[in-house]
N, C-alpha and C. Protein backbone atom coordinates (compact mmCIF):
# COMPACT_ATOMS: atom_id res chain seq x y z
N MET A 1 0.83 -1.20 0.00
CA MET A 1 0.00 0.00 0.00
C MET A 1 0.87 1.25 0.00
N ASP A 2 2.04 1.18 0.62
CA ASP A 2 2.91 2.35 0.67
C ASP A 2 3.30 2.83 -0.72
N ALA A 3 3.67 1.90 -1.60
CA ALA A 3 4.07 2.26 -2.95
C ALA A 3 2.89 2.84 -3.72
N PHE A 4 1.70 2.24 -3.55
CA PHE A 4 0.50 2.75 -4.23
C PHE A 4 0.19 4.16 -3.77
N LEU A 5 0.22 4.37 -2.47
CA LEU A 5 -0.05 5.69 -1.90
C LEU A 5 0.96 6.72 -2.41
N ALA A 6 2.23 6.35 -2.45
CA ALA A 6 3.26 7.26 -2.94
C ALA A 6 3.05 7.59 -4.41
N THR A 7 2.68 6.59 -5.20
CA THR A 7 2.44 6.82 -6.63
C THR A 7 1.27 7.75 -6.86
N ILE A 8 0.17 7.51 -6.17
CA ILE A 8 -1.01 8.37 -6.31
C ILE A 8 -0.66 9.79 -5.86
N GLY A 9 0.09 9.91 -4.77
CA GLY A 9 0.51 11.22 -4.30
C GLY A 9 1.36 11.96 -5.32
N THR A 10 2.26 11.23 -5.97
CA THR A 10 3.10 11.82 -7.02
C THR A 10 2.25 12.30 -8.19
N LEU A 11 1.28 11.52 -8.58
CA LEU A 11 0.39 11.92 -9.68
C LEU A 11 -0.41 13.17 -9.32
N VAL A 12 -0.89 13.24 -8.09
CA VAL A 12 -1.64 14.42 -7.65
C VAL A 12 -0.74 15.65 -7.66
N GLU A 13 0.47 15.50 -7.13
CA GLU A 13 1.43 16.62 -7.12
C GLU A 13 1.73 17.08 -8.55
N PHE A 14 1.94 16.14 -9.45
CA PHE A 14 2.22 16.48 -10.84
C PHE A 14 1.04 17.23 -11.46
N SER A 15 -0.17 16.74 -11.20
CA SER A 15 -1.35 17.39 -11.78
C SER A 15 -1.61 18.77 -11.18
N ASP A 16 -1.07 19.02 -9.99
CA ASP A 16 -1.19 20.34 -9.37
C ASP A 16 -0.27 21.37 -10.04
N THR A 17 0.80 20.90 -10.65
CA THR A 17 1.79 21.82 -11.21
C THR A 17 1.89 21.77 -12.74
N HIS A 18 1.08 20.93 -13.36
CA HIS A 18 1.08 20.81 -14.82
C HIS A 18 -0.36 20.80 -15.33
N PRO A 19 -0.55 21.22 -16.58
CA PRO A 19 -1.90 21.23 -17.14
C PRO A 19 -2.37 19.82 -17.54
N VAL A 20 -2.95 19.11 -16.59
CA VAL A 20 -3.44 17.75 -16.83
C VAL A 20 -4.96 17.78 -16.81
N SER A 21 -5.57 17.18 -17.82
CA SER A 21 -7.04 17.10 -17.83
C SER A 21 -7.52 15.69 -17.51
N HIS A 22 -6.77 14.67 -17.94
CA HIS A 22 -7.16 13.28 -17.72
C HIS A 22 -5.92 12.39 -17.60
N LEU A 23 -6.09 11.26 -16.93
CA LEU A 23 -5.11 10.19 -16.94
C LEU A 23 -5.78 9.01 -17.62
N LEU A 24 -5.01 8.18 -18.27
CA LEU A 24 -5.59 7.05 -18.97
C LEU A 24 -5.31 5.74 -18.25
N GLY A 25 -6.27 4.84 -18.32
CA GLY A 25 -6.07 3.49 -17.83
C GLY A 25 -6.52 3.22 -16.41
N GLY A 26 -7.19 4.13 -15.78
CA GLY A 26 -7.55 3.94 -14.38
C GLY A 26 -8.89 3.29 -14.13
N HIS A 27 -9.74 3.23 -15.11
CA HIS A 27 -11.08 2.66 -14.91
C HIS A 27 -11.19 1.25 -15.47
N VAL A 28 -10.09 0.59 -15.61
CA VAL A 28 -10.10 -0.76 -16.16
C VAL A 28 -10.87 -1.69 -15.23
N GLU A 29 -11.77 -2.45 -15.80
CA GLU A 29 -12.57 -3.45 -15.08
C GLU A 29 -13.69 -2.86 -14.22
N LEU A 30 -13.97 -1.58 -14.32
CA LEU A 30 -15.07 -0.99 -13.54
C LEU A 30 -16.33 -0.87 -14.37
N THR A 31 -17.45 -1.16 -13.75
CA THR A 31 -18.74 -0.99 -14.41
C THR A 31 -19.18 0.47 -14.27
N MET A 32 -20.29 0.80 -14.88
CA MET A 32 -20.84 2.16 -14.76
C MET A 32 -21.48 2.37 -13.40
N ASP A 33 -21.74 1.29 -12.65
CA ASP A 33 -22.30 1.40 -11.31
C ASP A 33 -21.20 1.81 -10.34
N ALA A 34 -21.48 2.79 -9.51
CA ALA A 34 -20.47 3.30 -8.57
C ALA A 34 -19.92 2.19 -7.68
N GLY A 35 -18.59 2.10 -7.61
CA GLY A 35 -17.94 1.15 -6.72
C GLY A 35 -18.12 -0.31 -7.08
N ARG A 36 -18.41 -0.61 -8.34
CA ARG A 36 -18.66 -2.00 -8.75
C ARG A 36 -17.72 -2.38 -9.89
N ASP A 37 -17.01 -3.50 -9.71
CA ASP A 37 -16.13 -3.97 -10.77
C ASP A 37 -16.71 -5.21 -11.43
N PHE A 38 -16.08 -5.60 -12.54
CA PHE A 38 -16.49 -6.82 -13.22
C PHE A 38 -15.89 -8.02 -12.51
N PRO A 39 -16.57 -9.16 -12.56
CA PRO A 39 -16.03 -10.35 -11.91
C PRO A 39 -14.71 -10.79 -12.55
N LEU A 40 -13.88 -11.47 -11.77
CA LEU A 40 -12.65 -12.04 -12.31
C LEU A 40 -12.98 -12.95 -13.48
N GLY A 41 -12.20 -12.87 -14.53
CA GLY A 41 -12.39 -13.75 -15.68
C GLY A 41 -13.52 -13.36 -16.61
N ALA A 42 -14.13 -12.20 -16.39
CA ALA A 42 -15.23 -11.77 -17.26
C ALA A 42 -14.71 -11.61 -18.69
N ARG A 43 -15.37 -12.24 -19.62
CA ARG A 43 -14.98 -12.16 -21.03
C ARG A 43 -15.66 -11.00 -21.73
N GLN A 44 -16.66 -10.49 -21.08
CA GLN A 44 -17.40 -9.35 -21.63
C GLN A 44 -17.41 -8.25 -20.59
N HIS A 45 -17.38 -7.02 -21.06
CA HIS A 45 -17.45 -5.86 -20.16
C HIS A 45 -18.48 -4.88 -20.69
N PRO A 46 -19.75 -5.26 -20.66
CA PRO A 46 -20.76 -4.33 -21.16
C PRO A 46 -20.85 -3.10 -20.27
N HIS A 47 -20.91 -1.96 -20.89
CA HIS A 47 -21.04 -0.69 -20.18
C HIS A 47 -19.86 -0.44 -19.24
N GLU A 48 -18.66 -0.75 -19.71
CA GLU A 48 -17.46 -0.47 -18.91
C GLU A 48 -17.22 1.04 -18.88
N ARG A 49 -16.63 1.50 -17.80
CA ARG A 49 -16.36 2.93 -17.67
C ARG A 49 -15.40 3.40 -18.75
N PRO A 50 -15.49 4.67 -19.10
CA PRO A 50 -14.53 5.22 -20.07
C PRO A 50 -13.11 5.17 -19.50
N LEU A 51 -12.14 5.08 -20.37
CA LEU A 51 -10.75 4.95 -19.96
C LEU A 51 -10.22 6.16 -19.19
N PRO A 52 -10.51 7.40 -19.60
CA PRO A 52 -9.92 8.55 -18.89
C PRO A 52 -10.40 8.70 -17.44
N VAL A 53 -9.47 9.09 -16.58
CA VAL A 53 -9.74 9.43 -15.19
C VAL A 53 -9.49 10.93 -15.06
N THR A 54 -10.44 11.66 -14.47
CA THR A 54 -10.26 13.10 -14.30
C THR A 54 -9.34 13.40 -13.12
N VAL A 55 -8.83 14.60 -13.08
CA VAL A 55 -7.99 15.02 -11.96
C VAL A 55 -8.81 14.99 -10.66
N GLN A 56 -10.07 15.34 -10.73
CA GLN A 56 -10.93 15.30 -9.54
C GLN A 56 -11.07 13.87 -9.02
N GLN A 57 -11.21 12.91 -9.93
CA GLN A 57 -11.30 11.51 -9.52
C GLN A 57 -9.98 11.04 -8.91
N LEU A 58 -8.87 11.49 -9.47
CA LEU A 58 -7.56 11.16 -8.93
C LEU A 58 -7.40 11.71 -7.51
N GLU A 59 -7.84 12.94 -7.31
CA GLU A 59 -7.75 13.54 -5.98
C GLU A 59 -8.62 12.80 -4.98
N ALA A 60 -9.81 12.37 -5.41
CA ALA A 60 -10.69 11.59 -4.52
C ALA A 60 -10.05 10.25 -4.18
N LEU A 61 -9.41 9.64 -5.16
CA LEU A 61 -8.70 8.37 -4.93
C LEU A 61 -7.58 8.58 -3.92
N HIS A 62 -6.85 9.67 -4.06
CA HIS A 62 -5.75 9.95 -3.13
C HIS A 62 -6.27 10.14 -1.71
N GLN A 63 -7.34 10.89 -1.56
CA GLN A 63 -7.91 11.11 -0.22
C GLN A 63 -8.35 9.79 0.40
N ARG A 64 -9.00 8.96 -0.39
CA ARG A 64 -9.47 7.67 0.12
C ARG A 64 -8.31 6.73 0.44
N THR A 65 -7.26 6.78 -0.39
CA THR A 65 -6.09 5.94 -0.15
C THR A 65 -5.42 6.32 1.16
N VAL A 66 -5.30 7.62 1.41
CA VAL A 66 -4.73 8.08 2.69
C VAL A 66 -5.60 7.60 3.85
N ALA A 67 -6.92 7.70 3.69
CA ALA A 67 -7.84 7.32 4.76
C ALA A 67 -7.81 5.83 5.05
N CYS A 68 -7.58 4.99 4.04
CA CYS A 68 -7.63 3.54 4.28
C CYS A 68 -6.25 2.92 4.44
N ALA A 69 -5.21 3.71 4.43
CA ALA A 69 -3.87 3.17 4.66
C ALA A 69 -3.85 2.53 6.05
N GLY A 70 -3.32 1.33 6.12
CA GLY A 70 -3.28 0.62 7.40
C GLY A 70 -4.59 -0.08 7.75
N LYS A 71 -5.57 -0.01 6.87
CA LYS A 71 -6.86 -0.67 7.10
C LYS A 71 -7.10 -1.68 5.98
N PRO A 72 -6.70 -2.92 6.18
CA PRO A 72 -6.87 -3.92 5.13
C PRO A 72 -8.34 -4.10 4.76
N GLY A 73 -8.57 -4.46 3.51
CA GLY A 73 -9.93 -4.72 3.06
C GLY A 73 -10.20 -4.09 1.71
N VAL A 74 -11.45 -4.14 1.33
CA VAL A 74 -11.90 -3.57 0.06
C VAL A 74 -12.57 -2.25 0.38
N HIS A 75 -12.08 -1.20 -0.24
CA HIS A 75 -12.58 0.15 0.00
C HIS A 75 -13.09 0.72 -1.32
N ALA A 76 -14.39 0.77 -1.47
CA ALA A 76 -14.98 1.25 -2.72
C ALA A 76 -15.37 2.71 -2.61
N GLY A 77 -15.04 3.45 -3.65
CA GLY A 77 -15.48 4.82 -3.80
C GLY A 77 -16.38 4.89 -5.01
N LYS A 78 -16.86 6.05 -5.31
CA LYS A 78 -17.76 6.21 -6.46
C LYS A 78 -17.08 5.78 -7.76
N ASP A 79 -15.80 6.16 -7.92
CA ASP A 79 -15.11 5.94 -9.18
C ASP A 79 -13.91 5.01 -9.10
N PHE A 80 -13.79 4.26 -8.02
CA PHE A 80 -12.63 3.39 -7.86
C PHE A 80 -12.91 2.35 -6.78
N ILE A 81 -12.07 1.33 -6.76
CA ILE A 81 -12.08 0.32 -5.70
C ILE A 81 -10.63 0.09 -5.30
N ILE A 82 -10.36 0.16 -4.02
CA ILE A 82 -9.01 -0.08 -3.50
C ILE A 82 -9.03 -1.43 -2.78
N TYR A 83 -8.20 -2.35 -3.24
CA TYR A 83 -8.02 -3.62 -2.55
C TYR A 83 -6.74 -3.48 -1.74
N ASN A 84 -6.89 -3.26 -0.45
CA ASN A 84 -5.74 -3.03 0.43
C ASN A 84 -5.41 -4.33 1.16
N GLY A 85 -4.33 -4.95 0.77
CA GLY A 85 -3.92 -6.19 1.39
C GLY A 85 -4.40 -7.39 0.61
N ASN A 86 -4.04 -8.54 1.11
CA ASN A 86 -4.36 -9.79 0.44
C ASN A 86 -5.11 -10.70 1.40
N ARG A 87 -6.25 -10.20 1.87
CA ARG A 87 -7.02 -10.98 2.85
C ARG A 87 -7.75 -12.12 2.16
N VAL A 88 -7.73 -13.27 2.80
CA VAL A 88 -8.34 -14.47 2.24
C VAL A 88 -9.83 -14.25 2.00
N ARG A 89 -10.53 -13.64 2.92
CA ARG A 89 -11.97 -13.48 2.74
C ARG A 89 -12.30 -12.56 1.57
N ASP A 90 -11.49 -11.53 1.33
CA ASP A 90 -11.72 -10.66 0.17
C ASP A 90 -11.48 -11.42 -1.12
N GLN A 91 -10.41 -12.22 -1.15
CA GLN A 91 -10.12 -13.02 -2.33
C GLN A 91 -11.21 -14.06 -2.58
N ALA A 92 -11.72 -14.67 -1.51
CA ALA A 92 -12.78 -15.67 -1.65
C ALA A 92 -14.04 -15.05 -2.23
N LYS A 93 -14.39 -13.86 -1.78
CA LYS A 93 -15.57 -13.17 -2.32
C LYS A 93 -15.41 -12.91 -3.82
N LEU A 94 -14.20 -12.48 -4.22
CA LEU A 94 -13.95 -12.23 -5.64
C LEU A 94 -14.12 -13.50 -6.46
N VAL A 95 -13.55 -14.59 -5.97
CA VAL A 95 -13.61 -15.85 -6.70
C VAL A 95 -15.04 -16.37 -6.77
N LEU A 96 -15.76 -16.37 -5.65
CA LEU A 96 -17.14 -16.87 -5.65
C LEU A 96 -18.03 -16.04 -6.56
N ARG A 97 -17.88 -14.73 -6.52
CA ARG A 97 -18.66 -13.86 -7.39
C ARG A 97 -18.35 -14.15 -8.86
N SER A 98 -17.10 -14.41 -9.13
CA SER A 98 -16.67 -14.73 -10.49
C SER A 98 -17.27 -16.04 -10.99
N LEU A 99 -17.28 -17.05 -10.14
CA LEU A 99 -17.80 -18.36 -10.53
C LEU A 99 -19.28 -18.32 -10.85
N ARG A 100 -20.01 -17.42 -10.20
CA ARG A 100 -21.45 -17.29 -10.42
C ARG A 100 -21.81 -16.37 -11.59
N SER A 101 -20.84 -15.67 -12.13
CA SER A 101 -21.13 -14.64 -13.11
C SER A 101 -21.38 -15.19 -14.52
N PRO A 102 -22.45 -14.74 -15.17
CA PRO A 102 -22.70 -15.13 -16.56
C PRO A 102 -21.71 -14.45 -17.52
N LEU A 103 -20.98 -13.44 -17.07
CA LEU A 103 -20.04 -12.74 -17.95
C LEU A 103 -18.79 -13.56 -18.23
N ARG A 104 -18.59 -14.65 -17.52
CA ARG A 104 -17.44 -15.50 -17.75
C ARG A 104 -17.66 -16.47 -18.92
N LYS A 105 -18.89 -16.60 -19.33
CA LYS A 105 -19.21 -17.60 -20.37
C LYS A 105 -19.05 -17.04 -21.75
């Protein structure tokens, strides 16, 4: 989590001092529903979020990352999900949800 927090902090600092409108690649695997991702192994991603992440979304991610540092678990925000740590119960939920999903077929 330390490296993730440092990276997000660096991106926020950079966006504060440079004309940045969007970052690319941050909404991978997220649905249009707030705080909801696609199941593991999904072969289809209907209504996946657009690729660009706004500076405002990055700042919200940074605030949430700071708040959940040292708190293992899944922390969902409107535009992101933070998986902090490698807890067995969080992994089990991901796998079970994936096995039940019609998007894997």
